[in-house]
C-alpha atoms as a PDB file:
ATOM      1  CA  MET A   1       0.000   0.000   0.000  1.00  0.00           C
ATOM      2  CA  GLY A   2       1.196   3.521  -0.606  1.00  0.00           C
ATOM      3  CA  ASN A   3       2.685   5.473   2.304  1.00  0.00           C
ATOM      4  CA  PRO A   4       0.831   8.593   3.441  1.00  0.00           C
ATOM      5  CA  GLY A   5       2.473  11.784   2.283  1.00  0.00           C
ATOM      6  CA  ILE A   6       4.335  14.036   4.678  1.00  0.00           C
ATOM      7  CA  ILE A   7       3.020  17.577   4.716  1.00  0.00           C
ATOM      8  CA  GLY A   8       5.832  20.028   5.239  1.00  0.00           C
ATOM      9  CA  CYS A   9       5.487  23.361   7.004  1.00  0.00           C
ATOM     10  CA  HIS A  10       7.435  26.612   6.845  1.00  0.00           C
ATOM     11  CA  THR A  11       7.722  29.801   8.857  1.00  0.00           C
ATOM     12  CA  SER A  12       7.271  33.317   7.574  1.00  0.00           C
ATOM     13  CA  SER A  13       7.029  36.852   8.932  1.00  0.00           C
ATOM     14  CA  HIS A  14       3.865  37.623  10.804  1.00  0.00           C
ATOM     15  CA  VAL A  15       0.974  38.665   8.563  1.00  0.00           C
ATOM     16  CA  GLU A  16      -2.379  39.649   9.971  1.00  0.00           C
ATOM     17  CA  LEU A  17      -5.029  37.713   8.027  1.00  0.00           C
ATOM     18  CA  PRO A  18      -8.437  39.168   7.362  1.00  0.00           C
ATOM     19  CA  THR A  19     -11.307  37.543   9.237  1.00  0.00           C
ATOM     20  CA  TYR A  20     -12.792  36.059   6.073  1.00  0.00           C
ATOM     21  CA  SER A  21      -9.496  34.255   5.333  1.00  0.00           C
ATOM     22  CA  VAL A  22      -9.508  32.630   8.757  1.00  0.00           C
ATOM     23  CA  SER A  23     -13.086  31.397   8.377  1.00  0.00           C
ATOM     24  CA  LEU A  24     -12.294  30.120   4.885  1.00  0.00           C
ATOM     25  CA  THR A  25      -9.338  28.154   6.292  1.00  0.00           C
ATOM     26  CA  LYS A  26     -11.614  26.612   8.905  1.00  0.00           C
ATOM     27  CA  ARG A  27     -14.133  25.573   6.278  1.00  0.00           C
ATOM     28  CA  ASN A  28     -11.351  24.048   4.159  1.00  0.00           C
ATOM     29  CA  ILE A  29     -10.041  22.031   7.094  1.00  0.00           C
ATOM     30  CA  HIS A  30     -13.540  20.729   7.812  1.00  0.00           C
ATOM     31  CA  THR A  31     -14.082  19.832   4.158  1.00  0.00           C
ATOM     32  CA  GLU A  32     -10.743  18.030   4.011  1.00  0.00           C
ATOM     33  CA  ARG A  33     -11.537  16.039   7.153  1.00  0.00           C
ATOM     34  CA  VAL A  34     -14.879  14.970   5.685  1.00  0.00           C
ATOM     35  CA  TYR A  35     -13.114  13.984   2.453  1.00  0.00           C
ATOM     36  CA  LEU A  36     -10.516  11.921   4.337  1.00  0.00           C
ATOM     37  CA  VAL A  37     -13.201  10.125   6.342  1.00  0.00           C
ATOM     38  CA  ARG A  38     -15.129   9.317   3.172  1.00  0.00           C
ATOM     39  CA  LYS A  39     -11.931   8.115   1.523  1.00  0.00           C
ATOM     40  CA  MET A  40     -11.159   5.821   4.474  1.00  0.00           C
ATOM     41  CA  VAL A  41     -14.681   4.373   4.322  1.00  0.00           C
ATOM     42  CA  GLN A  42     -14.401   3.820   0.569  1.00  0.00           C
ATOM     43  CA  THR A  43     -10.998   2.151   0.945  1.00  0.00           C
ATOM     44  CA  GLU A  44     -12.521  -0.269   3.470  1.00  0.00           C
ATOM     45  CA  GLN A  45     -15.359  -0.999   1.028  1.00  0.00           C
ATOM     46  CA  ILE A  46     -12.840  -1.662  -1.733  1.00  0.00           C
ATOM     47  CA  LEU A  47     -10.833  -4.105   0.399  1.00  0.00           C
ATOM     48  CA  ASN A  48     -14.045  -5.921   1.322  1.00  0.00           C
ATOM     49  CA  ALA A  49     -14.925  -6.145  -2.377  1.00  0.00           C
ATOM     50  CA  LEU A  50     -11.482  -7.552  -3.193  1.00  0.00           C
ATOM     51  CA  LYS A  51     -12.073 -10.281  -0.620  1.00  0.00           C
ATOM     52  CA  ASN A  52     -14.587 -11.719  -3.091  1.00  0.00           C
ATOM     53  CA  CYS A  53     -11.705 -12.540  -5.444  1.00  0.00           C
ATOM     54  CA  TYR A  54      -9.871 -15.844  -5.102  1.00  0.00           C
ATOM     55  CA  ASP A  55      -6.843 -17.511  -6.620  1.00  0.00           C
ATOM     56  CA  PRO A  56      -8.418 -20.566  -8.341  1.00  0.00           C
ATOM     57  CA  GLU A  57      -5.713 -22.842  -6.915  1.00  0.00           C
ATOM     58  CA  ILE A  58      -5.813 -21.593  -3.314  1.00  0.00           C
ATOM     59  CA  PRO A  59      -9.051 -21.273  -1.263  1.00  0.00           C
ATOM     60  CA  VAL A  60      -8.038 -17.910   0.225  1.00  0.00           C
ATOM     61  CA  ASN A  61      -9.095 -14.454  -0.963  1.00  0.00           C
ATOM     62  CA  ILE A  62      -6.439 -12.276  -2.603  1.00  0.00           C
ATOM     63  CA  VAL A  63      -6.360  -9.762   0.272  1.00  0.00           C
ATOM     64  CA  ASP A  64      -5.600 -12.317   2.990  1.00  0.00           C
ATOM     65  CA  LEU A  65      -3.307 -14.136   0.569  1.00  0.00           C
ATOM     66  CA  GLY A  66      -1.184 -10.962   0.436  1.00  0.00           C
ATOM     67  CA  LEU A  67      -1.482 -10.406  -3.313  1.00  0.00           C
ATOM     68  CA  ILE A  68      -2.448  -6.722  -3.030  1.00  0.00           C
ATOM     69  CA  TYR A  69       0.665  -4.527  -3.072  1.00  0.00           C
ATOM     70  CA  ASP A  70      -0.842  -1.065  -3.478  1.00  0.00           C
ATOM     71  CA  LEU A  71      -4.258   0.591  -3.488  1.00  0.00           C
ATOM     72  CA  LYS A  72      -4.939   4.187  -4.484  1.00  0.00           C
ATOM     73  CA  VAL A  73      -8.262   6.014  -4.534  1.00  0.00           C
ATOM     74  CA  GLU A  74      -8.587   9.278  -6.432  1.00  0.00           C
ATOM     75  CA  ASN A  75     -12.121  10.659  -6.662  1.00  0.00           C
ATOM     76  CA  ASP A  76     -14.079   8.030  -8.627  1.00  0.00           C
ATOM     77  CA  SER A  77     -11.019   6.098  -9.828  1.00  0.00           C
ATOM     78  CA  VAL A  78      -9.260   3.183  -8.144  1.00  0.00           C
ATOM     79  CA  TYR A  79      -5.802   1.853  -8.955  1.00  0.00           C
ATOM     80  CA  VAL A  80      -4.690  -1.553  -7.667  1.00  0.00           C
ATOM     81  CA  LYS A  81      -1.197  -2.993  -7.940  1.00  0.00           C
ATOM     82  CA  MET A  82      -1.144  -6.707  -7.234  1.00  0.00           C
ATOM     83  CA  THR A  83       0.740  -9.907  -7.952  1.00  0.00           C
ATOM     84  CA  LEU A  84       0.005 -13.611  -8.337  1.00  0.00           C
ATOM     85  CA  THR A  85       1.500 -16.545  -6.484  1.00  0.00           C
ATOM     86  CA  ALA A  86       3.801 -17.309  -9.428  1.00  0.00           C
ATOM     87  CA  PRO A  87       4.690 -15.810 -12.836  1.00  0.00           C
ATOM     88  CA  GLY A  88       2.960 -17.531 -15.708  1.00  0.00           C
ATOM     89  CA  CYS A  89      -0.079 -18.343 -13.574  1.00  0.00           C
ATOM     90  CA  PRO A  90      -2.883 -19.412 -15.953  1.00  0.00           C
ATOM     91  CA  ALA A  91      -5.370 -17.376 -13.896  1.00  0.00           C
ATOM     92  CA  HIS A  92      -3.616 -14.113 -14.822  1.00  0.00           C
ATOM     93  CA  THR A  93      -6.288 -12.721 -17.170  1.00  0.00           C
ATOM     94  CA  PHE A  94      -9.249 -14.206 -15.309  1.00  0.00           C
ATOM     95  CA  LEU A  95      -8.195 -12.815 -11.921  1.00  0.00           C
ATOM     96  CA  LYS A  96      -7.364  -9.366 -13.323  1.00  0.00           C
ATOM     97  CA  GLU A  97     -10.829  -9.098 -14.895  1.00  0.00           C
ATOM     98  CA  GLN A  98     -12.492 -10.380 -11.728  1.00  0.00           C
ATOM     99  CA  VAL A  99     -10.731  -7.727  -9.619  1.00  0.00           C
ATOM    100  CA  GLU A 100     -11.776  -4.958 -12.026  1.00  0.00           C
ATOM    101  CA  GLN A 101     -15.406  -6.145 -11.955  1.00  0.00           C
ATOM    102  CA  GLU A 102     -15.504  -6.223  -8.152  1.00  0.00           C
ATOM    103  CA  LEU A 103     -13.973  -2.732  -7.936  1.00  0.00           C
ATOM    104  CA  LEU A 104     -16.643  -1.309 -10.236  1.00  0.00           C
ATOM    105  CA  LYS A 105     -19.356  -2.693  -7.940  1.00  0.00           C
ATOM    106  CA  VAL A 106     -18.203  -0.409  -5.113  1.00  0.00           C
ATOM    107  CA  PRO A 107     -20.486   2.649  -4.818  1.00  0.00           C
ATOM    108  CA  GLY A 108     -18.831   5.729  -6.281  1.00  0.00           C
ATOM    109  CA  VAL A 109     -16.197   3.865  -8.288  1.00  0.00           C
ATOM    110  CA  LYS A 110     -16.454   4.522 -12.025  1.00  0.00           C
ATOM    111  CA  ASN A 111     -12.954   3.657 -13.195  1.00  0.00           C
ATOM    112  CA  ALA A 112     -10.790   0.705 -12.136  1.00  0.00           C
ATOM    113  CA  GLN A 113      -7.227  -0.013 -13.178  1.00  0.00           C
ATOM    114  CA  VAL A 114      -5.436  -3.218 -12.163  1.00  0.00           C
ATOM    115  CA  GLU A 115      -1.720  -3.758 -12.721  1.00  0.00           C
ATOM    116  CA  ILE A 116      -0.091  -7.176 -12.277  1.00  0.00           C
ATOM    117  CA  VAL A 117       3.543  -6.979 -11.117  1.00  0.00           C
ATOM    118  CA  TRP A 118       6.146  -9.608 -10.216  1.00  0.00           C
ATOM    119  CA  ASP A 119       8.565  -7.545  -8.125  1.00  0.00           C
ATOM    120  CA  PRO A 120       8.773  -8.233  -5.290  1.00  0.00           C
ATOM    121  CA  PRO A 121       7.768 -11.870  -5.823  1.00  0.00           C
ATOM    122  CA  TRP A 122       4.996 -13.281  -3.653  1.00  0.00           C
ATOM    123  CA  THR A 123       6.042 -15.529  -0.778  1.00  0.00           C
ATOM    124  CA  PRO A 124       3.905 -17.382   1.820  1.00  0.00           C
ATOM    125  CA  ASP A 125       4.988 -15.014   4.598  1.00  0.00           C
ATOM    126  CA  ARG A 126       2.758 -12.326   3.009  1.00  0.00           C
ATOM    127  CA  MET A 127      -0.362 -14.212   4.077  1.00  0.00           C
ATOM    128  CA  SER A 128      -2.490 -12.918   6.927  1.00  0.00           C
ATOM    129  CA  ASP A 129      -3.019 -14.871  10.130  1.00  0.00           C
ATOM    130  CA  ALA A 130      -6.550 -15.663   8.919  1.00  0.00           C
ATOM    131  CA  ALA A 131      -5.145 -17.186   5.720  1.00  0.00           C
ATOM    132  CA  ARG A 132      -2.595 -19.233   7.633  1.00  0.00           C
ATOM    133  CA  GLU A 133      -5.304 -20.552   9.919  1.00  0.00           C
ATOM    134  CA  GLN A 134      -7.568 -21.375   6.960  1.00  0.00           C
ATOM    135  CA  LEU A 135      -4.780 -23.367   5.315  1.00  0.00           C
ATOM    136  CA  GLY A 136      -3.947 -25.137   8.550  1.00  0.00           C
ATOM    137  CA  TRP A 137      -0.731 -23.195   9.175  1.00  0.00           C
ATOM    138  CA  SER A 138       0.185 -21.764  12.535  1.00  0.00           C
ATOM    139  CA  ALA A 139      -1.071 -18.172  12.756  1.00  0.00           C
ATOM    140  CA  THR A 140       2.211 -17.298  14.396  1.00  0.00           C
ATOM    141  CA  PRO A 141       4.922 -19.500  12.895  1.00  0.00           C
ATOM    142  CA  VAL A 142       7.059 -21.171  15.510  1.00  0.00           C
ATOM    143  CA  ALA A 143      10.524 -22.629  14.963  1.00  0.00           C
ATOM    144  CA  SER A 144       9.689 -26.223  15.809  1.00  0.00           C
ATOM    145  CA  LEU A 145      11.658 -28.355  13.339  1.00  0.00           C
ATOM    146  CA  PRO A 146      14.362 -30.655  14.705  1.00  0.00           C
ATOM    147  CA  MET A 147      17.602 -28.764  14.155  1.00  0.00           C
ATOM    148  CA  ASP A 148      19.423 -32.007  13.284  1.00  0.00           C
ATOM    149  CA  MET A 149      16.996 -32.862  10.495  1.00  0.00           C
ATOM    150  CA  LYS A 150      18.590 -32.865   7.031  1.00  0.00           C
ATOM    151  CA  PRO A 151      15.973 -31.512   4.597  1.00  0.00           C
ATOM    152  CA  LEU A 152      16.262 -32.492   0.946  1.00  0.00           C
ATOM    153  CA  LYS A 153      15.215 -30.213  -1.914  1.00  0.00           C
ATOM    154  CA  THR A 154      12.786 -31.597  -4.472  1.00  0.00           C
ATOM    155  CA  GLY A 155      11.430 -30.444  -7.814  1.00  0.00           C
ATOM    156  CA  SER A 156      13.314 -28.040 -10.039  1.00  0.00           C
ATOM    157  CA  GLU A 157      14.134 -24.387 -10.504  1.00  0.00           C
ATOM    158  CA  GLN A 158      13.354 -22.072 -13.387  1.00  0.00           C
ATOM    159  CA  GLN A 159      13.895 -18.446 -14.256  1.00  0.00           C
ATOM    160  CA  GLY A 160      10.952 -16.179 -15.015  1.00  0.00           C
ATOM    161  CA  GLU A 161      10.913 -13.853 -18.000  1.00  0.00           C
ATOM    162  CA  ASP A 162      11.592 -10.971 -15.637  1.00  0.00           C
ATOM    163  CA  GLY A 163      14.584 -12.740 -14.072  1.00  0.00           C
ATOM    164  CA  SER A 164      12.709 -13.931 -10.984  1.00  0.00           C
ATOM    165  CA  ILE A 165      13.502 -17.312  -9.447  1.00  0.00           C
ATOM    166  CA  ILE A 166      10.772 -19.928  -9.609  1.00  0.00           C
ATOM    167  CA  LEU A 167      10.797 -23.246  -7.761  1.00  0.00           C
ATOM    168  CA  VAL A 168       8.527 -26.018  -9.040  1.00  0.00           C
ATOM    169  CA  ASN A 169       7.552 -28.897  -6.760  1.00  0.00           C
ATOM    170  CA  PRO A 170       7.041 -32.486  -8.025  1.00  0.00           C
ATOM    171  CA  ARG A 171       3.312 -31.779  -8.439  1.00  0.00           C
ATOM    172  CA  GLY A 172       4.108 -29.034 -10.954  1.00  0.00           C
ATOM    173  CA  GLU A 173       3.097 -26.185  -8.636  1.00  0.00           C
ATOM    174  CA  ALA A 174       5.318 -23.139  -9.105  1.00  0.00           C
ATOM    175  CA  TYR A 175       6.409 -20.680  -6.412  1.00  0.00           C
ATOM    176  CA  ALA A 176       8.305 -17.431  -6.900  1.00  0.00           C
ATOM    177  CA  VAL A 177      11.004 -17.102  -4.241  1.00  0.00           C
ATOM    178  CA  SER A 178      13.461 -14.462  -3.129  1.00  0.00           C
ATOM    179  CA  LYS A 179      17.215 -14.767  -3.515  1.00  0.00           C
ATOM    180  CA  HIS A 180      17.685 -15.773   0.117  1.00  0.00           C
ATOM    181  CA  GLU A 181      14.874 -18.341  -0.018  1.00  0.00           C
ATOM    182  CA  HIS A 182      16.546 -19.828  -3.099  1.00  0.00           C
ATOM    183  CA  MET A 183      19.832 -19.998  -1.190  1.00  0.00           C
ATOM    184  CA  ILE A 184      18.111 -21.922   1.607  1.00  0.00           C
ATOM    185  CA  TRP A 185      16.517 -24.337  -0.870  1.00  0.00           C
ATOM    186  CA  THR A 186      19.901 -24.908  -2.540  1.00  0.00           C
ATOM    187  CA  LEU A 187      21.669 -25.556   0.777  1.00  0.00           C
ATOM    188  CA  CYS A 188      19.086 -28.200   1.683  1.00  0.00           C
ATOM    189  CA  ASP A 189      20.751 -31.021  -0.268  1.00  0.00           C
ATOM    190  CA  GLY A 190      20.144 -33.780   2.272  1.00  0.00           C
ATOM    191  CA  THR A 191      23.661 -33.575   3.730  1.00  0.00           C
ATOM    192  CA  ARG A 192      23.230 -30.453   5.864  1.00  0.00           C
ATOM    193  CA  SER A 193      21.186 -30.269   9.046  1.00  0.00           C
ATOM    194  CA  VAL A 194      18.801 -27.363   9.596  1.00  0.00           C
ATOM    195  CA  GLU A 195      21.318 -25.877  12.029  1.00  0.00           C
ATOM    196  CA  ARG A 196      24.083 -26.215   9.436  1.00  0.00           C
ATOM    197  CA  VAL A 197      21.930 -24.402   6.872  1.00  0.00           C
ATOM    198  CA  VAL A 198      21.358 -21.593   9.381  1.00  0.00           C
ATOM    199  CA  GLU A 199      25.081 -21.297  10.109  1.00  0.00           C
ATOM    200  CA  GLU A 200      26.162 -21.299   6.453  1.00  0.00           C
ATOM    201  CA  LEU A 201      23.533 -18.743   5.445  1.00  0.00           C
ATOM    202  CA  ALA A 202      24.451 -16.534   8.397  1.00  0.00           C
ATOM    203  CA  ASN A 203      28.092 -16.687   7.352  1.00  0.00           C
ATOM    204  CA  THR A 204      27.165 -15.704   3.784  1.00  0.00           C
ATOM    205  CA  LEU A 205      25.038 -12.792   4.986  1.00  0.00           C
ATOM    206  CA  GLY A 206      27.563 -11.649   7.580  1.00  0.00           C
ATOM    207  CA  ALA A 207      25.053 -12.192  10.375  1.00  0.00           C
ATOM    208  CA  GLN A 208      24.932 -14.168  13.589  1.00  0.00           C
ATOM    209  CA  PRO A 209      23.011 -17.502  13.455  1.00  0.00           C
ATOM    210  CA  GLU A 210      20.679 -16.424  16.261  1.00  0.00           C
ATOM    211  CA  GLN A 211      19.625 -13.389  14.201  1.00  0.00           C
ATOM    212  CA  ILE A 212      18.179 -15.479  11.373  1.00  0.00           C
ATOM    213  CA  ARG A 213      17.520 -18.915  12.918  1.00  0.00           C
ATOM    214  CA  THR A 214      13.770 -18.501  13.503  1.00  0.00           C
ATOM    215  CA  GLN A 215      13.146 -17.068  10.047  1.00  0.00           C
ATOM    216  CA  VAL A 216      15.192 -19.764   8.287  1.00  0.00           C
ATOM    217  CA  VAL A 217      13.385 -22.536  10.161  1.00  0.00           C
ATOM    218  CA  GLU A 218      10.020 -21.009   9.240  1.00  0.00           C
ATOM    219  CA  ILE A 219      11.035 -20.875   5.556  1.00  0.00           C
ATOM    220  CA  ILE A 220      12.217 -24.492   5.604  1.00  0.00           C
ATOM    221  CA  ASP A 221       8.980 -25.525   7.313  1.00  0.00           C
ATOM    222  CA  ALA A 222       6.912 -23.649   4.679  1.00  0.00           C
ATOM    223  CA  MET A 223       8.886 -25.267   1.843  1.00  0.00           C
ATOM    224  CA  ILE A 224       8.264 -28.710   3.322  1.00  0.00           C
ATOM    225  CA  ARG A 225       4.543 -27.944   3.504  1.00  0.00           C
ATOM    226  CA  VAL A 226       4.329 -26.956  -0.181  1.00  0.00           C
ATOM    227  CA  GLY A 227       6.515 -29.849  -1.352  1.00  0.00           C
ATOM    228  CA  LEU A 228       9.710 -27.976  -2.252  1.00  0.00           C
ATOM    229  CA  LEU A 229      11.622 -29.811   0.486  1.00  0.00           C
ATOM    230  CA  THR A 230      11.236 -33.242   2.044  1.00  0.00           C
ATOM    231  CA  ASN A 231      12.261 -34.696   5.361  1.00  0.00           C
ATOM    232  CA  PRO A 232      14.271 -37.852   4.518  1.00  0.00           C
ATOM    233  CA  ASP A 233      13.620 -39.168   8.033  1.00  0.00           C
ATOM    234  CA  GLU A 234       9.949 -39.609   7.129  1.00  0.00           C
ATOM    235  CA  PHE A 235      10.789 -42.198   4.482  1.00  0.00           C
ATOM    236  CA  VAL A 236      11.464 -45.836   5.262  1.00  0.00           C
ATOM    237  CA  GLN A 237      13.866 -47.665   3.009  1.00  0.00           C
ATOM    238  CA  ILE A 238      12.459 -51.014   1.842  1.00  0.00           C
ATOM    239  CA  ASP A 239      14.797 -53.589   0.365  1.00  0.00           C
ATOM    240  CA  ILE A 240      13.294 -55.613  -2.432  1.00  0.00           C
ATOM    241  CA  ALA A 241      14.965 -58.976  -2.892  1.00  0.00           C
END
């Protein structure tokens, strides 16, 4: 979402204002406050409308999924900047049209513009607590993986047209990941423990292991959940004579 602007102020020599100027200033302030309140109400209505839009592959609305990057309201026009869970998503056109249609249903909105962007790429940590709960994830991720577990990466990696990194699990589901998430996935080759991954990544980033341990464990846990990593300890080797 866009950041609110910062209104600067300046000093000047004292000037005695006529009475009518003072009253005009008061009326302007009141009008602006009313406008801001109306704008806040309309923004809330727009977000509620966007919650009617869903990624066809994930049963969570696009707001709670964290796909909305920016929202601007100017008079009767609305501009939305959003992303999808992965570049090349077949729902690209469908979802864009659905968002535009829902925006135009909001009272007072006559123009709707939706822009799909890929930078920054979407990652699961953008989801709201409600989305995590709906998908069966912990609302507040907790570092609970055994630190001696040796996760093994699965699937393959690709590069998006815009240079983004995409990981594809064995089921063919694609996920756009950040550079650091890709580094974690690469380090998980089945020979390194979770703690070893934390230590090596910390060394690469010039950080202390305790500064990134919780976040790394949460990322590994999320990748296991979506099938980008496996826990070899969960598999039992069966010898066939």
